[in-house]
Protein backbone atom coordinates (compact mmCIF):
# COMPACT_ATOMS: atom_id res chain seq x y z
CA MET A 1 113.87 108.20 94.69
CA GLY A 2 117.14 110.01 95.25
CA ALA A 3 120.56 108.67 95.63
CA LEU A 4 121.03 109.89 92.03
CA HIS A 5 123.47 108.43 89.67
CA GLU A 6 124.38 108.65 85.75
CA GLY A 7 121.16 107.07 84.95
CA HIS A 8 118.96 109.70 86.39
CA LEU A 9 121.29 112.30 85.27
CA ALA A 10 120.60 111.07 81.45
CA LEU A 11 116.92 111.61 82.29
CA VAL A 12 117.55 115.28 83.14
CA ARG A 13 119.68 115.84 80.05
CA GLU A 14 117.02 114.08 77.79
CA ALA A 15 114.31 116.29 79.17
CA ALA A 16 116.54 119.21 78.64
CA ARG A 17 116.68 118.72 74.94
CA ARG A 18 112.79 118.77 74.77
CA ALA A 19 112.04 121.56 77.23
CA ASP A 20 113.19 125.06 78.23
CA ARG A 21 113.23 124.15 82.04
CA VAL A 22 113.68 120.83 83.75
CA VAL A 23 112.18 119.90 87.13
CA ALA A 24 113.20 116.66 88.80
CA SER A 25 111.36 115.10 91.65
CA VAL A 26 113.46 113.63 94.61
CA PHE A 27 110.84 111.71 96.78
CA VAL A 28 111.49 108.32 98.44
CA ASN A 29 107.80 107.22 98.08
CA PRO A 30 106.49 104.97 101.16
CA THR A 31 103.46 103.71 99.33
CA GLN A 32 105.39 101.62 96.97
CA PHE A 33 107.47 99.74 99.55
CA ALA A 34 105.89 96.59 101.37
CA ALA A 35 106.56 96.37 105.18
CA HIS A 36 109.24 94.14 104.53
CA GLU A 37 111.41 96.01 101.98
CA ASP A 38 113.94 98.65 102.37
CA LEU A 39 112.05 101.99 103.00
CA GLY A 40 114.07 102.78 106.10
CA SER A 41 117.47 101.79 104.65
CA TYR A 42 116.77 103.17 100.89
CA PRO A 43 119.88 105.55 100.38
CA ARG A 44 119.14 109.07 100.81
CA HIS A 45 121.93 111.88 99.78
CA GLU A 46 119.67 114.96 98.97
CA ALA A 47 122.33 117.67 99.08
CA ARG A 48 124.58 115.64 96.85
CA ASP A 49 121.58 115.07 94.54
CA ALA A 50 120.97 118.80 94.42
CA GLU A 51 124.41 119.36 93.32
CA LEU A 52 124.08 116.79 90.66
CA LEU A 53 120.87 118.04 89.36
CA ALA A 54 122.21 121.27 88.85
CA GLY A 55 125.39 120.21 87.30
CA ALA A 56 123.10 118.34 84.65
CA GLY A 57 121.11 121.26 83.90
CA CYS A 58 118.01 120.95 86.04
CA ALA A 59 116.25 124.18 86.98
CA LEU A 60 114.50 123.07 89.98
CA MET A 61 114.68 119.87 92.31
CA TYR A 62 111.08 119.30 93.61
CA ALA A 63 111.68 117.37 97.17
CA PRO A 64 108.56 117.36 98.94
CA ALA A 65 107.99 116.12 102.53
CA VAL A 66 105.75 112.72 103.07
CA GLU A 67 103.26 115.15 104.76
CA GLU A 68 102.97 117.11 102.00
CA MET A 69 102.43 114.15 99.71
CA TYR A 70 100.32 112.07 101.79
CA PRO A 71 98.23 114.48 104.07
CA ASP A 72 96.24 113.19 107.20
CA GLY A 73 92.94 111.96 105.87
CA ALA A 74 94.28 111.07 102.29
CA THR A 75 92.38 108.04 101.09
CA THR A 76 92.42 108.12 97.31
CA THR A 77 94.07 104.96 95.44
CA ILE A 78 94.84 104.23 92.07
CA SER A 79 94.56 100.86 90.45
CA VAL A 80 96.16 100.68 86.98
CA GLY A 81 94.68 97.01 85.94
CA ALA A 82 96.58 94.65 83.39
CA PRO A 83 99.87 96.58 82.88
CA ALA A 84 100.69 96.25 86.42
CA GLU A 85 99.72 92.70 86.85
CA GLY A 86 102.49 89.95 86.47
CA LEU A 87 106.19 90.42 86.66
CA GLU A 88 107.01 93.03 89.41
CA GLY A 89 103.34 93.22 90.03
CA ALA A 90 103.34 89.58 91.10
CA PHE A 91 106.31 90.05 93.57
CA ARG A 92 105.50 93.38 94.76
CA PRO A 93 101.76 93.60 94.76
CA GLN A 94 101.79 97.09 96.53
CA MET A 95 104.33 98.53 94.13
CA PHE A 96 102.43 99.64 91.24
CA GLY A 97 99.53 101.52 92.97
CA GLY A 98 101.95 103.52 94.96
CA VAL A 99 103.89 104.15 91.98
CA ALA A 100 100.71 105.20 89.87
CA LEU A 101 99.33 107.62 92.83
CA VAL A 102 102.53 109.48 93.40
CA VAL A 103 103.28 109.87 89.66
CA ALA A 104 99.78 111.43 89.22
CA LYS A 105 100.22 113.68 92.14
CA LEU A 106 103.40 114.91 90.91
CA LEU A 107 102.57 115.36 87.51
CA ASN A 108 99.37 117.47 88.55
CA GLN A 109 101.48 119.62 91.05
CA VAL A 110 104.31 120.44 88.36
CA GLN A 111 102.11 120.08 85.32
CA PRO A 112 105.20 119.35 82.99
CA GLU A 113 104.47 119.12 79.07
CA VAL A 114 106.93 116.35 79.02
CA ALA A 115 108.06 113.70 81.75
CA VAL A 116 111.09 111.25 81.01
CA PHE A 117 111.36 107.84 82.66
CA GLY A 118 114.03 105.24 82.36
CA GLU A 119 113.50 102.20 80.37
CA LYS A 120 115.25 100.23 83.09
CA ASP A 121 112.11 100.15 85.09
CA TYR A 122 110.07 98.95 81.75
CA GLN A 123 106.85 97.83 83.47
CA GLN A 124 106.59 101.19 85.22
CA LEU A 125 107.10 103.23 82.18
CA ILE A 126 104.42 101.11 80.56
CA VAL A 127 102.01 101.53 83.59
CA VAL A 128 102.69 105.31 83.83
CA ARG A 129 101.70 105.54 80.14
CA ARG A 130 98.70 103.92 80.62
CA MET A 131 97.69 105.83 83.80
CA VAL A 132 98.34 109.17 81.92
CA ARG A 133 96.34 107.89 78.93
CA ASP A 134 93.34 106.76 81.00
CA LEU A 135 93.06 109.76 83.44
CA ASP A 136 93.64 112.55 80.39
CA ILE A 137 96.70 113.94 82.08
CA PRO A 138 98.09 116.23 79.24
CA THR A 139 101.86 115.03 79.70
CA GLU A 140 103.94 113.28 76.84
CA ILE A 141 105.61 110.35 78.64
CA VAL A 142 108.90 109.77 77.09
CA GLY A 143 111.26 106.44 77.58
CA SER A 144 114.90 106.85 77.92
CA PRO A 145 117.36 103.90 77.39
CA THR A 146 119.03 102.41 80.25
CA ILE A 147 122.38 103.59 81.26
CA ARG A 148 124.96 100.94 81.88
CA ASP A 149 128.27 100.57 83.48
CA ASP A 150 131.36 99.61 81.61
CA HIS A 151 130.44 95.82 82.02
CA GLY A 152 126.86 96.12 81.04
CA LEU A 153 125.13 96.28 84.29
CA ALA A 154 122.26 98.53 84.54
CA LEU A 155 122.88 101.57 86.91
CA SER A 156 120.68 101.41 90.10
CA SER A 157 120.85 103.11 93.50
CA ARG A 158 120.45 99.64 94.98
CA ASN A 159 123.83 98.67 93.29
CA ALA A 160 125.28 100.27 96.48
CA TYR A 161 124.35 97.20 98.65
CA LEU A 162 126.39 94.99 96.52
CA SER A 163 130.04 93.83 97.87
CA GLU A 164 132.60 93.43 95.10
CA ASP A 165 131.95 89.78 94.74
CA GLN A 166 128.41 90.40 94.16
CA LEU A 167 129.01 92.94 91.81
CA GLU A 168 131.10 90.62 89.78
CA VAL A 169 127.92 88.18 89.40
CA ALA A 170 125.45 90.93 88.75
CA ARG A 171 127.47 92.14 85.85
CA ARG A 172 126.42 88.72 84.17
CA LEU A 173 122.89 89.52 84.31
CA ASN A 174 122.71 91.49 80.85
CA GLY A 175 124.79 88.79 79.16
CA VAL A 176 122.40 86.19 80.08
CA LEU A 177 119.37 88.38 78.98
CA ALA A 178 121.29 89.13 75.73
CA GLY A 179 121.67 85.44 74.78
CA ALA A 180 118.19 84.72 75.57
CA GLY A 181 116.90 87.55 73.88
CA ALA A 182 118.89 86.61 70.64
CA GLU A 183 117.04 83.25 70.74
CA ALA A 184 113.66 84.68 71.05
CA ALA A 185 114.42 87.10 68.07
CA ALA A 186 115.47 83.94 66.08
CA GLY A 187 111.92 82.39 66.81
CA GLY A 188 112.74 80.06 69.70
CA SER A 189 110.36 78.62 72.07
CA LEU A 190 109.68 81.12 74.80
CA PRO A 191 108.84 78.54 77.60
CA GLY A 192 112.15 76.91 76.93
CA ILE A 193 114.28 79.94 76.53
CA GLU A 194 112.95 81.58 79.63
CA ALA A 195 113.50 78.26 81.66
CA GLU A 196 117.13 78.07 80.56
CA ALA A 197 117.86 81.78 81.31
CA ARG A 198 116.53 81.22 84.95
CA GLU A 199 118.94 78.22 85.16
CA ALA A 200 121.80 80.28 83.57
CA LEU A 201 121.47 83.10 86.07
CA LEU A 202 121.39 80.59 89.12
CA ARG A 203 124.68 78.93 87.75
CA ALA A 204 126.13 82.65 87.07
CA GLY A 205 125.81 82.71 91.17
CA PHE A 206 122.53 84.74 91.58
CA SER A 207 120.86 83.33 94.76
CA HIS A 208 117.21 83.25 93.54
CA VAL A 209 115.45 84.34 90.50
CA ASP A 210 111.90 85.82 90.56
CA TYR A 211 111.24 85.72 87.07
CA VAL A 212 112.61 85.95 83.42
CA ALA A 213 110.02 86.54 80.73
CA VAL A 214 109.58 87.66 77.35
CA ARG A 215 106.52 89.93 76.76
CA ARG A 216 105.26 92.32 73.96
CA ALA A 217 107.04 95.45 74.08
CA GLU A 218 103.90 97.75 73.91
CA ASP A 219 101.89 96.39 76.58
CA LEU A 220 103.72 93.37 78.39
CA GLY A 221 101.08 90.91 77.06
CA ALA A 222 102.13 87.41 76.46
CA PHE A 223 102.80 86.13 73.05
CA ALA A 224 99.87 83.85 72.28
CA ALA A 225 102.02 81.64 70.00
CA GLY A 226 104.99 81.05 72.49
CA ALA A 227 107.34 82.73 70.10
CA VAL A 228 108.00 86.32 69.16
CA ASP A 229 105.77 87.62 66.35
CA GLY A 230 106.55 91.30 67.01
CA PRO A 231 108.53 94.14 68.95
CA ALA A 232 109.45 92.49 72.40
CA ARG A 233 111.12 92.88 75.98
CA ILE A 234 112.95 90.34 77.89
CA LEU A 235 112.68 91.20 81.56
CA ALA A 236 114.36 89.67 84.68
CA ALA A 237 114.30 90.17 88.39
CA ALA A 238 117.11 88.23 90.62
CA TRP A 239 118.45 88.18 93.94
CA LEU A 240 122.02 88.55 95.27
CA GLY A 241 121.88 87.99 98.90
CA LYS A 242 119.44 90.77 100.10
CA THR A 243 119.63 92.78 97.00
CA ARG A 244 117.21 92.48 94.10
CA LEU A 245 118.04 93.59 90.83
CA ILE A 246 115.91 94.22 87.85
CA ASP A 247 116.98 94.55 83.94
CA ASN A 248 115.16 94.19 80.72
CA MET A 249 116.34 94.53 76.79
CA ALA A 250 114.76 94.97 73.72
CA ILE A 251 114.00 92.31 71.35
CA GLN A 252 113.35 92.91 67.68
CA PRO A 253 112.74 89.59 65.59
């Protein structure tokens, strides 16, 4: 969605390793924002984005206008189902319908052989993979590891909203998740681990925690036994003032 940083450029470089030419879409998608969210203030730096993409080896920046993506009279929607439920879907119920629709349209317009998505938005990655399989879109969906700063904070366009004091707190998020993930990998009880991680984030200075959850890596389903018994992810969303941060990490028991 623009305001590009090193995390986005890593996706371009990963795509360049897999294809002869790379196309990057830059589009602040209005259908995945609720009325109270930051669509109007979301950072937009299109000229700088174009320079960064060219420097990373991107052959084409595709930056359609809203009117091109959503012409008058358009009524089609996409409902992905289970992968979009819970976690982000519980707190931002409009989001994944908007994501699925715009990604389907972009993939149809560009027709890439491979599309690379960052693992930072892990639920989005799972939603897109499910949507592509279900709609028989002939594009391979590749996940690329989260890029972090020197303190372990996942890079995000919304990090620009944070003050210096808030950045210091934000950089504690990955440590809390790493500790909770290690406990889960060791076979600890997930409800207790998740509850303690939420409390740890509040103690660290986060103003509110939407969720901390350990889920199956493949489809984000819950572990029936209340403990990890296969590849998993720990995912979290927490607030610093008006800024909402998300992050996740892999867990291998």
